C-alpha atoms as a PDB file:
ATOM      1  CA  UNK A   1      47.512 123.781 122.007  1.00  0.00           C
ATOM      2  CA  UNK A   2      45.877 121.710 125.183  1.00  0.00           C
ATOM      3  CA  UNK A   3      48.435 118.802 124.201  1.00  0.00           C
ATOM      4  CA  UNK A   4      51.435 121.409 124.574  1.00  0.00           C
ATOM      5  CA  UNK A   5      50.851 122.263 127.909  1.00  0.00           C
ATOM      6  CA  UNK A   6      50.129 119.042 129.041  1.00  0.00           C
ATOM      7  CA  UNK A   7      53.388 117.993 127.789  1.00  0.00           C
ATOM      8  CA  UNK A   8      55.114 120.892 129.386  1.00  0.00           C
ATOM      9  CA  UNK A   9      53.658 120.261 132.362  1.00  0.00           C
ATOM     10  CA  UNK A  10      54.620 116.645 132.702  1.00  0.00           C
ATOM     11  CA  UNK A  11      57.714 117.262 131.958  1.00  0.00           C
ATOM     12  CA  UNK A  12      58.041 119.962 134.762  1.00  0.00           C
ATOM     13  CA  UNK A  13      56.271 117.439 136.945  1.00  0.00           C
ATOM     14  CA  UNK A  14      53.983 120.602 137.897  1.00  0.00           C
ATOM     15  CA  UNK A  15      51.047 118.956 139.826  1.00  0.00           C
ATOM     16  CA  UNK A  16      48.900 122.542 140.075  1.00  0.00           C
ATOM     17  CA  UNK A  17      49.421 122.386 136.277  1.00  0.00           C
ATOM     18  CA  UNK A  18      48.291 119.020 135.520  1.00  0.00           C
ATOM     19  CA  UNK A  19      45.181 119.731 138.300  1.00  0.00           C
ATOM     20  CA  UNK A  20      43.897 122.708 136.040  1.00  0.00           C
ATOM     21  CA  UNK A  21      44.438 120.554 132.669  1.00  0.00           C
ATOM     22  CA  UNK A  22      42.183 117.751 134.007  1.00  0.00           C
ATOM     23  CA  UNK A  23      39.647 120.108 134.481  1.00  0.00           C
ATOM     24  CA  UNK A  24      39.696 121.561 131.218  1.00  0.00           C
ATOM     25  CA  UNK A  25      39.767 118.365 129.398  1.00  0.00           C
ATOM     26  CA  UNK A  26      39.475 119.123 125.447  1.00  0.00           C
ATOM     27  CA  UNK A  27      37.226 116.734 123.261  1.00  0.00           C
ATOM     28  CA  UNK A  28      39.510 115.452 120.506  1.00  0.00           C
ATOM     29  CA  UNK A  29      38.435 115.086 116.417  1.00  0.00           C
ATOM     30  CA  UNK A  30      41.463 113.487 115.283  1.00  0.00           C
ATOM     31  CA  UNK A  31      42.512 109.637 116.354  1.00  0.00           C
ATOM     32  CA  UNK A  32      46.038 111.241 116.592  1.00  0.00           C
ATOM     33  CA  UNK A  33      45.124 113.468 119.471  1.00  0.00           C
ATOM     34  CA  UNK A  34      43.124 111.356 121.321  1.00  0.00           C
ATOM     35  CA  UNK A  35      45.723 108.792 120.994  1.00  0.00           C
ATOM     36  CA  UNK A  36      48.865 111.232 122.339  1.00  0.00           C
ATOM     37  CA  UNK A  37      45.816 112.561 124.886  1.00  0.00           C
ATOM     38  CA  UNK A  38      45.551 108.890 126.449  1.00  0.00           C
ATOM     39  CA  UNK A  39      49.148 108.459 126.520  1.00  0.00           C
ATOM     40  CA  UNK A  40      49.994 111.637 128.397  1.00  0.00           C
ATOM     41  CA  UNK A  41      46.975 111.306 130.826  1.00  0.00           C
ATOM     42  CA  UNK A  42      48.912 107.743 131.626  1.00  0.00           C
ATOM     43  CA  UNK A  43      52.063 109.005 132.018  1.00  0.00           C
ATOM     44  CA  UNK A  44      50.510 112.101 134.256  1.00  0.00           C
ATOM     45  CA  UNK A  45      49.209 109.188 136.273  1.00  0.00           C
ATOM     46  CA  UNK A  46      52.687 107.922 136.488  1.00  0.00           C
ATOM     47  CA  UNK A  47      54.103 110.891 138.072  1.00  0.00           C
ATOM     48  CA  UNK A  48      51.216 111.732 140.179  1.00  0.00           C
ATOM     49  CA  UNK A  49      51.574 108.233 141.830  1.00  0.00           C
ATOM     50  CA  UNK A  50      55.386 108.299 141.823  1.00  0.00           C
ATOM     51  CA  UNK A  51      54.998 111.837 143.721  1.00  0.00           C
ATOM     52  CA  UNK A  52      52.875 110.020 146.055  1.00  0.00           C
ATOM     53  CA  UNK A  53      54.648 107.602 146.770  1.00  0.00           C
ATOM     54  CA  UNK A  54      58.251 109.488 147.470  1.00  0.00           C
ATOM     55  CA  UNK A  55      55.844 112.068 150.047  1.00  0.00           C
ATOM     56  CA  UNK A  56      54.911 108.812 151.773  1.00  0.00           C
ATOM     57  CA  UNK A  57      58.211 107.583 151.979  1.00  0.00           C
ATOM     58  CA  UNK A  58      59.350 111.201 153.454  1.00  0.00           C
ATOM     59  CA  UNK A  59      56.574 111.389 155.833  1.00  0.00           C
ATOM     60  CA  UNK A  60      57.475 107.668 156.950  1.00  0.00           C
ATOM     61  CA  UNK A  61      61.098 109.326 157.356  1.00  0.00           C
ATOM     62  CA  UNK A  62      60.136 112.279 159.127  1.00  0.00           C
ATOM     63  CA  UNK A  63      58.295 110.315 161.611  1.00  0.00           C
ATOM     64  CA  UNK A  64      61.464 108.010 162.642  1.00  0.00           C
ATOM     65  CA  UNK A  65      63.303 110.544 163.089  1.00  0.00           C
ATOM     66  CA  UNK A  66      61.398 112.595 165.334  1.00  0.00           C
ATOM     67  CA  UNK A  67      60.622 109.076 167.443  1.00  0.00           C
ATOM     68  CA  UNK A  68      64.252 109.135 167.524  1.00  0.00           C
ATOM     69  CA  UNK A  69      64.582 112.658 168.966  1.00  0.00           C
ATOM     70  CA  UNK A  70      62.051 111.628 171.578  1.00  0.00           C
ATOM     71  CA  UNK A  71      63.877 108.473 172.329  1.00  0.00           C
ATOM     72  CA  UNK A  72      67.120 110.498 173.198  1.00  0.00           C
ATOM     73  CA  UNK A  73      65.317 113.145 175.298  1.00  0.00           C
ATOM     74  CA  UNK A  74      65.840 112.790 178.753  1.00  0.00           C
ATOM     75  CA  UNK A  75      62.443 111.576 180.585  1.00  0.00           C
ATOM     76  CA  UNK A  76      60.990 114.242 182.805  1.00  0.00           C
ATOM     77  CA  UNK A  77      59.947 113.466 185.780  1.00  0.00           C
ATOM     78  CA  UNK A  78      56.454 114.750 187.002  1.00  0.00           C
ATOM     79  CA  UNK A  79      56.764 115.287 190.654  1.00  0.00           C
ATOM     80  CA  UNK A  80      58.169 118.734 192.330  1.00  0.00           C
ATOM     81  CA  UNK A  81      61.459 117.173 193.698  1.00  0.00           C
ATOM     82  CA  UNK A  82      62.524 119.899 196.649  1.00  0.00           C
ATOM     83  CA  UNK A  83      65.219 117.355 198.243  1.00  0.00           C
ATOM     84  CA  UNK A  84      67.916 117.558 195.660  1.00  0.00           C
END
């Protein structure tokens, strides 16, 4: 049951479900289940790492966009100009 939930969370890339499943790790008795669990946990780790990298790239792009938007704004003068 736990392995099936883990498979589903990996396929859908559901991070919240993966976190919940990590909190309730079962103990396996069959070697086949242990091997499957290890493989799936490795795959889950890869997915989390991939999503982390995507998030990092997105944040870098957002920062670049903000910097660009700031560079295109006119500079505001700090003084009170009553002549013009």
